[in-house]
């Protein structure tokens, strides 16, 4: 499995290419050509999900308790 740094680099390379309007991305000596922007968006979404799963977990429930002090 790849680490967080590698996933982040791949995502950044994809985002930079997408913003430039380029569908070809090169990293680690490999070249990938995406057929459509939707295919590239799906790859970016997959990388973002993987990055989120490796990062710190979000708090989904917050409980607040109070009293009148009586």
N, C-alpha and C. Protein backbone atom coordinates (compact mmCIF):
# COMPACT_ATOMS: atom_id res chain seq x y z
N UNK A 1 0.84 -1.18 0.00
CA UNK A 1 0.00 0.00 0.00
C UNK A 1 0.88 1.24 0.00
N UNK A 2 0.42 2.27 -0.65
CA UNK A 2 1.16 3.51 -0.72
C UNK A 2 0.89 4.38 0.50
N UNK A 3 1.81 5.29 0.75
CA UNK A 3 1.66 6.14 1.92
C UNK A 3 0.95 7.45 1.55
N UNK A 4 0.67 8.21 2.57
CA UNK A 4 -0.08 9.46 2.41
C UNK A 4 0.67 10.45 1.51
N UNK A 5 1.97 10.52 1.64
CA UNK A 5 2.76 11.45 0.82
C UNK A 5 2.64 11.12 -0.66
N UNK A 6 2.75 9.84 -1.00
CA UNK A 6 2.66 9.42 -2.39
C UNK A 6 1.27 9.69 -2.98
N UNK A 7 0.24 9.38 -2.21
CA UNK A 7 -1.12 9.65 -2.67
C UNK A 7 -1.36 11.13 -2.90
N UNK A 8 -0.83 11.95 -2.02
CA UNK A 8 -0.98 13.39 -2.14
C UNK A 8 -0.26 13.91 -3.39
N UNK A 9 0.93 13.38 -3.66
CA UNK A 9 1.66 13.78 -4.86
C UNK A 9 0.90 13.40 -6.12
N UNK A 10 0.34 12.21 -6.16
CA UNK A 10 -0.43 11.77 -7.32
C UNK A 10 -1.65 12.67 -7.53
N UNK A 11 -2.36 12.95 -6.44
CA UNK A 11 -3.53 13.82 -6.54
C UNK A 11 -3.16 15.21 -7.04
N UNK A 12 -2.08 15.77 -6.51
CA UNK A 12 -1.64 17.10 -6.93
C UNK A 12 -1.25 17.12 -8.40
N UNK A 13 -0.61 16.06 -8.88
CA UNK A 13 -0.24 15.97 -10.29
C UNK A 13 -1.49 15.92 -11.17
N UNK A 14 -2.49 15.15 -10.74
CA UNK A 14 -3.73 15.06 -11.49
C UNK A 14 -4.47 16.40 -11.51
N UNK A 15 -4.54 17.05 -10.37
CA UNK A 15 -5.22 18.34 -10.29
C UNK A 15 -4.54 19.39 -11.16
N UNK A 16 -3.21 19.42 -11.12
CA UNK A 16 -2.47 20.39 -11.93
C UNK A 16 -2.73 20.16 -13.42
N UNK A 17 -2.72 18.91 -13.84
CA UNK A 17 -2.97 18.59 -15.24
C UNK A 17 -4.40 18.95 -15.63
N UNK A 18 -5.34 18.66 -14.76
CA UNK A 18 -6.75 18.95 -15.06
C UNK A 18 -6.98 20.44 -15.18
N UNK A 19 -6.38 21.24 -14.30
CA UNK A 19 -6.55 22.68 -14.35
C UNK A 19 -5.93 23.28 -15.61
N UNK A 20 -4.90 22.62 -16.13
CA UNK A 20 -4.26 23.08 -17.37
C UNK A 20 -5.01 22.60 -18.61
N UNK A 21 -5.95 21.69 -18.43
CA UNK A 21 -6.69 21.15 -19.56
C UNK A 21 -5.96 20.01 -20.25
N UNK A 22 -4.99 19.41 -19.57
CA UNK A 22 -4.20 18.33 -20.13
C UNK A 22 -4.72 17.00 -19.59
N UNK A 23 -4.79 16.00 -20.45
CA UNK A 23 -5.27 14.69 -20.00
C UNK A 23 -4.16 13.68 -19.85
N UNK A 24 -2.91 14.10 -20.01
CA UNK A 24 -1.76 13.21 -19.86
C UNK A 24 -1.01 13.60 -18.60
N UNK A 25 -0.72 12.62 -17.76
CA UNK A 25 -0.01 12.86 -16.50
C UNK A 25 1.19 11.92 -16.45
N UNK A 26 2.34 12.47 -16.02
CA UNK A 26 3.54 11.66 -15.86
C UNK A 26 4.04 11.80 -14.43
N UNK A 27 4.32 10.66 -13.81
CA UNK A 27 4.94 10.64 -12.49
C UNK A 27 5.57 9.28 -12.29
N UNK A 28 6.65 9.24 -11.54
CA UNK A 28 7.40 8.01 -11.27
C UNK A 28 7.77 7.28 -12.55
N UNK A 29 8.06 8.01 -13.62
CA UNK A 29 8.45 7.39 -14.88
C UNK A 29 7.31 6.73 -15.64
N UNK A 30 6.08 6.96 -15.23
CA UNK A 30 4.92 6.38 -15.88
C UNK A 30 4.10 7.48 -16.54
N UNK A 31 3.46 7.15 -17.65
CA UNK A 31 2.59 8.10 -18.33
C UNK A 31 1.19 7.52 -18.41
N UNK A 32 0.22 8.31 -17.99
CA UNK A 32 -1.18 7.89 -18.04
C UNK A 32 -1.95 8.92 -18.86
N UNK A 33 -2.73 8.42 -19.82
CA UNK A 33 -3.55 9.30 -20.65
C UNK A 33 -5.02 8.99 -20.34
N UNK A 34 -5.74 10.00 -19.88
CA UNK A 34 -7.15 9.84 -19.55
C UNK A 34 -7.99 10.18 -20.77
N UNK A 35 -9.00 9.37 -21.05
CA UNK A 35 -9.84 9.55 -22.23
C UNK A 35 -10.75 10.78 -22.11
N UNK A 36 -11.29 10.99 -20.92
CA UNK A 36 -12.22 12.09 -20.72
C UNK A 36 -11.92 12.81 -19.41
N UNK A 37 -12.51 13.99 -19.27
CA UNK A 37 -12.37 14.72 -18.01
C UNK A 37 -13.07 13.97 -16.88
N UNK A 38 -14.16 13.30 -17.20
CA UNK A 38 -14.88 12.52 -16.19
C UNK A 38 -14.03 11.39 -15.63
N UNK A 39 -13.26 10.76 -16.49
CA UNK A 39 -12.37 9.69 -16.04
C UNK A 39 -11.29 10.25 -15.11
N UNK A 40 -10.77 11.42 -15.45
CA UNK A 40 -9.78 12.06 -14.59
C UNK A 40 -10.40 12.48 -13.26
N UNK A 41 -11.62 13.00 -13.30
CA UNK A 41 -12.32 13.39 -12.07
C UNK A 41 -12.56 12.18 -11.17
N UNK A 42 -12.88 11.04 -11.76
CA UNK A 42 -13.08 9.82 -10.98
C UNK A 42 -11.77 9.39 -10.31
N UNK A 43 -10.65 9.52 -11.01
CA UNK A 43 -9.35 9.16 -10.44
C UNK A 43 -9.00 10.09 -9.28
N UNK A 44 -9.28 11.38 -9.45
CA UNK A 44 -9.03 12.34 -8.38
C UNK A 44 -9.90 12.03 -7.17
N UNK A 45 -11.18 11.72 -7.42
CA UNK A 45 -12.08 11.37 -6.32
C UNK A 45 -11.62 10.14 -5.57
N UNK A 46 -11.13 9.14 -6.31
CA UNK A 46 -10.62 7.93 -5.66
C UNK A 46 -9.42 8.25 -4.79
N UNK A 47 -8.50 9.06 -5.29
CA UNK A 47 -7.33 9.44 -4.49
C UNK A 47 -7.74 10.23 -3.26
N UNK A 48 -8.72 11.12 -3.40
CA UNK A 48 -9.16 11.90 -2.24
C UNK A 48 -9.80 11.01 -1.17
N UNK A 49 -10.54 10.00 -1.59
CA UNK A 49 -11.12 9.06 -0.62
C UNK A 49 -10.03 8.27 0.09
N UNK A 50 -9.02 7.84 -0.64
CA UNK A 50 -7.92 7.10 -0.02
C UNK A 50 -7.14 7.99 0.95
N UNK A 51 -6.92 9.24 0.58
CA UNK A 51 -6.22 10.17 1.46
C UNK A 51 -7.04 10.40 2.73
N UNK A 52 -8.35 10.58 2.57
CA UNK A 52 -9.22 10.80 3.73
C UNK A 52 -9.22 9.60 4.66
N UNK A 53 -9.14 8.39 4.11
CA UNK A 53 -9.16 7.20 4.96
C UNK A 53 -7.86 7.04 5.75
N UNK A 54 -6.76 7.61 5.25
CA UNK A 54 -5.49 7.52 5.96
C UNK A 54 -5.29 8.65 6.96
N UNK A 55 -6.00 9.73 6.78
CA UNK A 55 -5.84 10.90 7.64
C UNK A 55 -6.53 10.72 8.98
N UNK A 56 -6.51 11.77 9.78
CA UNK A 56 -7.18 11.71 11.09
C UNK A 56 -8.68 11.53 10.91
N UNK A 57 -9.27 10.80 11.80
CA UNK A 57 -10.71 10.53 11.73
C UNK A 57 -11.50 11.75 12.21
N UNK A 58 -12.60 12.01 11.52
CA UNK A 58 -13.45 13.13 11.89
C UNK A 58 -14.38 12.71 13.02
N UNK A 59 -14.69 13.66 13.87
CA UNK A 59 -15.65 13.43 14.94
C UNK A 59 -17.03 13.58 14.33
N UNK A 60 -17.85 12.53 14.45
CA UNK A 60 -19.15 12.58 13.81
C UNK A 60 -20.28 12.90 14.79
N UNK A 61 -20.03 12.73 16.10
CA UNK A 61 -21.07 13.00 17.09
C UNK A 61 -20.46 13.85 18.20
N UNK A 62 -21.15 14.93 18.55
CA UNK A 62 -20.73 15.79 19.65
C UNK A 62 -21.89 15.86 20.62
N UNK A 63 -21.63 15.52 21.86
CA UNK A 63 -22.69 15.55 22.88
C UNK A 63 -22.40 16.70 23.84
N UNK A 64 -23.41 17.49 24.10
CA UNK A 64 -23.28 18.64 25.01
C UNK A 64 -24.26 18.42 26.15
N UNK A 65 -23.73 18.61 27.35
CA UNK A 65 -24.58 18.45 28.54
C UNK A 65 -24.46 19.71 29.38
N UNK A 66 -25.57 20.19 29.87
CA UNK A 66 -25.54 21.39 30.70
C UNK A 66 -26.56 21.26 31.83
N UNK A 67 -26.41 22.12 32.80
CA UNK A 67 -27.37 22.17 33.91
C UNK A 67 -27.53 23.61 34.34
N UNK A 68 -28.58 23.86 35.11
CA UNK A 68 -28.83 25.21 35.61
C UNK A 68 -27.95 25.56 36.79
N UNK A 69 -27.25 24.62 37.31
CA UNK A 69 -26.38 24.88 38.46
C UNK A 69 -27.12 24.90 39.79
N UNK A 70 -28.33 24.34 39.83
CA UNK A 70 -29.13 24.32 41.03
C UNK A 70 -28.86 23.09 41.82
